[in-house]
Amino acid sequence: MNRTMDLNSCIRDSAEPPVPIRSRRVLVADDDEGIRYLIATVLAGTGINVNTVSDGQQAWEALHHEHYDLLITDNEMPRLTGIELIERIRDEGMHLPIIIASGSFPMEKVRDKPELQIATVLPKPFRILELLNAVRLVFQAPSGNFTADQQAPHRRCVNPQPIR
C-alpha cells in the first residue's frame, strides 16, 4: 500500500462535485509543536495555505490580522483555551468554521453549547484520514456551516484520490 496516497484524501460519493480547496487558508492553534507540524504538513500537502500558533491568544491575534477559512484548535492551551477562543470568536460575530482537535474535549460540550457552532471534534489521537475528511466536510458544507450533528452518508476511505 502506498502510504503517500493515503495522506491525500478519501473518495467522495460520485454524485458530489469535486471541491477545490487549493486556495483555502487554515489557522492551526495547538501548544504541542508536533501536532502543529503534523496538521500543517498534511494540509499543506493538499495545497492548503496553513499558519500555526502555539496558544489561543496568538490565534485570537492572528484572526484579527488575517482572513482564514477554517480554524483547527486544541482545547487545553496556555493563555486562552480553545473553548475561550471559540467563545470570543462567536461573541465578535465571526462565522469561521472551527474543528477542535483535542484529547480532553467532551463531545457533550458541542451538544450543550450549539451557539459555539463547532463543526466537529477530532479526539486525539486521530488518524490523518480523519483530519482530511473533517476538513473536506467543512469545506464542502454550504458556507462552511457543517455541524457535528450532521453526518455524511456513504463516505468511505478507499482508493484515495488527490484533493482538487
C-alpha atoms as a PDB file:
ATOM      1  CA  MET A   1       0.000   0.000   0.000  1.00  0.00           C
ATOM      2  CA  ASN A   2       1.314   3.434  -0.917  1.00  0.00           C
ATOM      3  CA  ARG A   3       1.272   5.462   2.344  1.00  0.00           C
ATOM      4  CA  THR A   4       1.718   8.775   0.500  1.00  0.00           C
ATOM      5  CA  MET A   5      -1.532   8.308  -1.394  1.00  0.00           C
ATOM      6  CA  ASP A   6      -3.379   7.676   1.886  1.00  0.00           C
ATOM      7  CA  LEU A   7      -2.423  11.164   3.066  1.00  0.00           C
ATOM      8  CA  ASN A   8      -4.186  12.942   0.247  1.00  0.00           C
ATOM      9  CA  SER A   9      -7.921  12.347   0.615  1.00  0.00           C
ATOM     10  CA  CYS A  10     -10.798   9.921   0.550  1.00  0.00           C
ATOM     11  CA  ILE A  11     -13.153   9.087  -2.276  1.00  0.00           C
ATOM     12  CA  ARG A  12     -16.418  11.018  -2.296  1.00  0.00           C
ATOM     13  CA  ASP A  13     -19.792   9.824  -3.474  1.00  0.00           C
ATOM     14  CA  SER A  14     -19.847  10.092  -7.247  1.00  0.00           C
ATOM     15  CA  ALA A  15     -22.841  12.444  -7.008  1.00  0.00           C
ATOM     16  CA  GLU A  16     -20.715  15.002  -5.146  1.00  0.00           C
ATOM     17  CA  PRO A  17     -18.872  17.549  -7.285  1.00  0.00           C
ATOM     18  CA  PRO A  18     -15.155  17.990  -6.567  1.00  0.00           C
ATOM     19  CA  VAL A  19     -14.498  20.863  -4.199  1.00  0.00           C
ATOM     20  CA  PRO A  20     -11.375  22.885  -4.916  1.00  0.00           C
ATOM     21  CA  ILE A  21      -9.523  23.694  -1.707  1.00  0.00           C
ATOM     22  CA  ARG A  22      -6.163  24.810  -3.037  1.00  0.00           C
ATOM     23  CA  SER A  23      -6.724  28.467  -2.155  1.00  0.00           C
ATOM     24  CA  ARG A  24      -8.095  27.806   1.336  1.00  0.00           C
ATOM     25  CA  ARG A  25      -6.408  29.279   4.419  1.00  0.00           C
ATOM     26  CA  VAL A  26      -6.328  27.390   7.707  1.00  0.00           C
ATOM     27  CA  LEU A  27      -5.116  28.512  11.127  1.00  0.00           C
ATOM     28  CA  VAL A  28      -3.910  25.759  13.458  1.00  0.00           C
ATOM     29  CA  ALA A  29      -3.698  26.526  17.197  1.00  0.00           C
ATOM     30  CA  ASP A  30      -2.064  23.901  19.395  1.00  0.00           C
ATOM     31  CA  ASP A  31       0.546  24.108  22.141  1.00  0.00           C
ATOM     32  CA  ASP A  32       2.068  20.799  21.015  1.00  0.00           C
ATOM     33  CA  GLU A  33       4.691  21.555  18.362  1.00  0.00           C
ATOM     34  CA  GLY A  34       4.484  18.028  16.940  1.00  0.00           C
ATOM     35  CA  ILE A  35       0.718  18.232  16.419  1.00  0.00           C
ATOM     36  CA  ARG A  36       1.041  21.679  14.798  1.00  0.00           C
ATOM     37  CA  TYR A  37       3.713  20.324  12.470  1.00  0.00           C
ATOM     38  CA  LEU A  38       1.709  17.206  11.593  1.00  0.00           C
ATOM     39  CA  ILE A  39      -1.512  19.095  10.809  1.00  0.00           C
ATOM     40  CA  ALA A  40       0.307  21.837   8.883  1.00  0.00           C
ATOM     41  CA  THR A  41       2.346  19.358   6.850  1.00  0.00           C
ATOM     42  CA  VAL A  42      -0.636  17.186   5.949  1.00  0.00           C
ATOM     43  CA  LEU A  43      -2.836  20.137   4.955  1.00  0.00           C
ATOM     44  CA  ALA A  44      -0.048  21.946   3.105  1.00  0.00           C
ATOM     45  CA  GLY A  45       0.483  18.733   1.148  1.00  0.00           C
ATOM     46  CA  THR A  46      -3.050  19.135  -0.232  1.00  0.00           C
ATOM     47  CA  GLY A  47      -2.361  22.719  -1.321  1.00  0.00           C
ATOM     48  CA  ILE A  48      -3.941  24.471   1.665  1.00  0.00           C
ATOM     49  CA  ASN A  49      -2.187  27.572   2.998  1.00  0.00           C
ATOM     50  CA  VAL A  50      -1.575  26.880   6.716  1.00  0.00           C
ATOM     51  CA  ASN A  51      -0.454  29.170   9.526  1.00  0.00           C
ATOM     52  CA  THR A  52       0.227  27.855  13.028  1.00  0.00           C
ATOM     53  CA  VAL A  53       0.247  29.372  16.511  1.00  0.00           C
ATOM     54  CA  SER A  54       1.060  27.870  19.901  1.00  0.00           C
ATOM     55  CA  ASP A  55      -1.809  29.173  22.025  1.00  0.00           C
ATOM     56  CA  GLY A  56      -5.294  30.624  21.948  1.00  0.00           C
ATOM     57  CA  GLN A  57      -4.177  34.221  22.454  1.00  0.00           C
ATOM     58  CA  GLN A  58      -1.893  34.044  19.424  1.00  0.00           C
ATOM     59  CA  ALA A  59      -4.784  32.553  17.447  1.00  0.00           C
ATOM     60  CA  TRP A  60      -7.063  35.405  18.534  1.00  0.00           C
ATOM     61  CA  GLU A  61      -4.490  37.953  17.363  1.00  0.00           C
ATOM     62  CA  ALA A  62      -3.905  36.131  14.059  1.00  0.00           C
ATOM     63  CA  LEU A  63      -7.652  36.080  13.364  1.00  0.00           C
ATOM     64  CA  HIS A  64      -7.672  39.868  13.631  1.00  0.00           C
ATOM     65  CA  HIS A  65      -4.823  40.311  11.161  1.00  0.00           C
ATOM     66  CA  GLU A  66      -5.540  37.679   8.507  1.00  0.00           C
ATOM     67  CA  HIS A  67      -8.530  36.016   6.862  1.00  0.00           C
ATOM     68  CA  TYR A  68      -8.885  32.265   7.445  1.00  0.00           C
ATOM     69  CA  ASP A  69     -11.378  29.782   6.028  1.00  0.00           C
ATOM     70  CA  LEU A  70     -11.032  27.363   8.954  1.00  0.00           C
ATOM     71  CA  LEU A  71      -9.638  27.195  12.479  1.00  0.00           C
ATOM     72  CA  ILE A  72      -8.335  23.913  13.866  1.00  0.00           C
ATOM     73  CA  THR A  73      -7.710  24.294  17.582  1.00  0.00           C
ATOM     74  CA  ASP A  74      -6.755  22.292  20.622  1.00  0.00           C
ATOM     75  CA  ASN A  75      -8.724  22.977  23.792  1.00  0.00           C
ATOM     76  CA  GLU A  76      -6.066  22.795  26.519  1.00  0.00           C
ATOM     77  CA  MET A  77      -3.645  25.616  25.669  1.00  0.00           C
ATOM     78  CA  PRO A  78      -1.877  28.329  27.669  1.00  0.00           C
ATOM     79  CA  ARG A  79      -3.206  31.892  27.963  1.00  0.00           C
ATOM     80  CA  LEU A  80      -6.521  31.158  26.226  1.00  0.00           C
ATOM     81  CA  THR A  81      -8.153  27.746  25.940  1.00  0.00           C
ATOM     82  CA  GLY A  82      -9.754  26.574  22.735  1.00  0.00           C
ATOM     83  CA  ILE A  83     -13.263  26.966  24.171  1.00  0.00           C
ATOM     84  CA  GLU A  84     -12.472  30.504  25.388  1.00  0.00           C
ATOM     85  CA  LEU A  85     -11.114  31.320  21.936  1.00  0.00           C
ATOM     86  CA  ILE A  86     -14.253  29.984  20.268  1.00  0.00           C
ATOM     87  CA  GLU A  87     -16.476  31.966  22.656  1.00  0.00           C
ATOM     88  CA  ARG A  88     -14.588  35.170  21.759  1.00  0.00           C
ATOM     89  CA  ILE A  89     -14.845  34.373  18.047  1.00  0.00           C
ATOM     90  CA  ARG A  90     -18.616  33.886  18.278  1.00  0.00           C
ATOM     91  CA  ASP A  91     -19.133  36.879  20.594  1.00  0.00           C
ATOM     92  CA  GLU A  92     -17.408  39.032  17.966  1.00  0.00           C
ATOM     93  CA  GLY A  93     -19.743  37.682  15.281  1.00  0.00           C
ATOM     94  CA  MET A  94     -17.126  35.763  13.292  1.00  0.00           C
ATOM     95  CA  HIS A  95     -18.623  32.911  11.253  1.00  0.00           C
ATOM     96  CA  LEU A  96     -15.389  30.977  10.879  1.00  0.00           C
ATOM     97  CA  PRO A  97     -15.794  27.170  10.763  1.00  0.00           C
ATOM     98  CA  ILE A  98     -13.970  25.503  13.659  1.00  0.00           C
ATOM     99  CA  ILE A  99     -12.648  21.995  14.244  1.00  0.00           C
ATOM    100  CA  ILE A 100     -11.486  21.079  17.735  1.00  0.00           C
ATOM    101  CA  ALA A 101      -8.636  18.551  17.770  1.00  0.00           C
ATOM    102  CA  SER A 102      -8.268  17.644  21.422  1.00  0.00           C
ATOM    103  CA  GLY A 103      -7.766  14.731  23.740  1.00  0.00           C
ATOM    104  CA  SER A 104      -9.696  16.451  26.511  1.00  0.00           C
ATOM    105  CA  PHE A 105     -12.794  17.901  24.880  1.00  0.00           C
ATOM    106  CA  PRO A 106     -16.036  16.056  25.668  1.00  0.00           C
ATOM    107  CA  MET A 107     -18.444  15.725  22.734  1.00  0.00           C
ATOM    108  CA  GLU A 108     -21.314  16.651  25.077  1.00  0.00           C
ATOM    109  CA  LYS A 109     -19.961  20.212  25.151  1.00  0.00           C
ATOM    110  CA  VAL A 110     -20.712  20.523  21.429  1.00  0.00           C
ATOM    111  CA  ARG A 111     -24.327  19.477  22.006  1.00  0.00           C
ATOM    112  CA  ASP A 112     -24.677  21.569  25.187  1.00  0.00           C
ATOM    113  CA  LYS A 113     -23.349  24.725  23.504  1.00  0.00           C
ATOM    114  CA  PRO A 114     -24.762  24.862  19.966  1.00  0.00           C
ATOM    115  CA  GLU A 115     -24.130  28.619  19.881  1.00  0.00           C
ATOM    116  CA  LEU A 116     -20.408  27.850  19.547  1.00  0.00           C
ATOM    117  CA  GLN A 117     -21.089  26.322  16.116  1.00  0.00           C
ATOM    118  CA  ILE A 118     -18.261  23.799  16.336  1.00  0.00           C
ATOM    119  CA  ALA A 119     -18.036  21.928  13.034  1.00  0.00           C
ATOM    120  CA  THR A 120     -16.602  18.755  14.529  1.00  0.00           C
ATOM    121  CA  VAL A 121     -14.366  17.356  17.243  1.00  0.00           C
ATOM    122  CA  LEU A 122     -11.370  15.182  16.396  1.00  0.00           C
ATOM    123  CA  PRO A 123     -10.389  13.272  19.529  1.00  0.00           C
ATOM    124  CA  LYS A 124      -6.622  12.906  19.887  1.00  0.00           C
ATOM    125  CA  PRO A 125      -5.023  10.750  18.789  1.00  0.00           C
ATOM    126  CA  PHE A 126      -6.695  10.998  15.389  1.00  0.00           C
ATOM    127  CA  ARG A 127      -5.803   9.449  12.057  1.00  0.00           C
ATOM    128  CA  ILE A 128      -4.596  11.594   9.195  1.00  0.00           C
ATOM    129  CA  LEU A 129      -7.534  10.459   7.067  1.00  0.00           C
ATOM    130  CA  GLU A 130      -9.930  11.564   9.834  1.00  0.00           C
ATOM    131  CA  LEU A 131      -8.333  15.017   9.747  1.00  0.00           C
ATOM    132  CA  LEU A 132      -8.548  15.220   5.957  1.00  0.00           C
ATOM    133  CA  ASN A 133     -12.172  14.051   5.953  1.00  0.00           C
ATOM    134  CA  ALA A 134     -13.135  16.587   8.624  1.00  0.00           C
ATOM    135  CA  VAL A 135     -11.507  19.417   6.669  1.00  0.00           C
ATOM    136  CA  ARG A 136     -13.121  18.247   3.427  1.00  0.00           C
ATOM    137  CA  LEU A 137     -16.573  18.110   5.059  1.00  0.00           C
ATOM    138  CA  VAL A 138     -16.199  21.626   6.444  1.00  0.00           C
ATOM    139  CA  PHE A 139     -15.141  22.974   3.056  1.00  0.00           C
ATOM    140  CA  GLN A 140     -17.953  21.128   1.257  1.00  0.00           C
ATOM    141  CA  ALA A 141     -20.656  22.405   3.599  1.00  0.00           C
ATOM    142  CA  PRO A 142     -22.685  25.349   2.305  1.00  0.00           C
ATOM    143  CA  SER A 143     -20.936  28.451   3.684  1.00  0.00           C
ATOM    144  CA  GLY A 144     -18.874  26.241   5.980  1.00  0.00           C
ATOM    145  CA  ASN A 145     -21.880  25.603   8.196  1.00  0.00           C
ATOM    146  CA  PHE A 146     -21.203  21.937   8.844  1.00  0.00           C
ATOM    147  CA  THR A 147     -22.025  20.980  12.418  1.00  0.00           C
ATOM    148  CA  ALA A 148     -21.014  17.977  14.458  1.00  0.00           C
ATOM    149  CA  ASP A 149     -24.558  16.597  14.398  1.00  0.00           C
ATOM    150  CA  GLN A 150     -24.613  16.338  10.593  1.00  0.00           C
ATOM    151  CA  GLN A 151     -23.493  13.033   9.178  1.00  0.00           C
ATOM    152  CA  ALA A 152     -22.061  12.498   5.734  1.00  0.00           C
ATOM    153  CA  PRO A 153     -23.733   9.361   4.350  1.00  0.00           C
ATOM    154  CA  HIS A 154     -21.779   6.720   2.497  1.00  0.00           C
ATOM    155  CA  ARG A 155     -18.309   8.218   2.870  1.00  0.00           C
ATOM    156  CA  ARG A 156     -15.524   5.661   2.815  1.00  0.00           C
ATOM    157  CA  CYS A 157     -11.759   5.929   2.724  1.00  0.00           C
ATOM    158  CA  VAL A 158     -10.879   3.568  -0.087  1.00  0.00           C
ATOM    159  CA  ASN A 159      -8.635   4.120  -3.073  1.00  0.00           C
ATOM    160  CA  PRO A 160      -7.833   7.737  -2.080  1.00  0.00           C
ATOM    161  CA  GLN A 161      -7.685  10.388  -4.768  1.00  0.00           C
ATOM    162  CA  PRO A 162      -5.830  13.743  -4.694  1.00  0.00           C
ATOM    163  CA  ILE A 163      -7.753  16.694  -3.272  1.00  0.00           C
ATOM    164  CA  ARG A 164      -8.588  19.141  -6.045  1.00  0.00           C
END
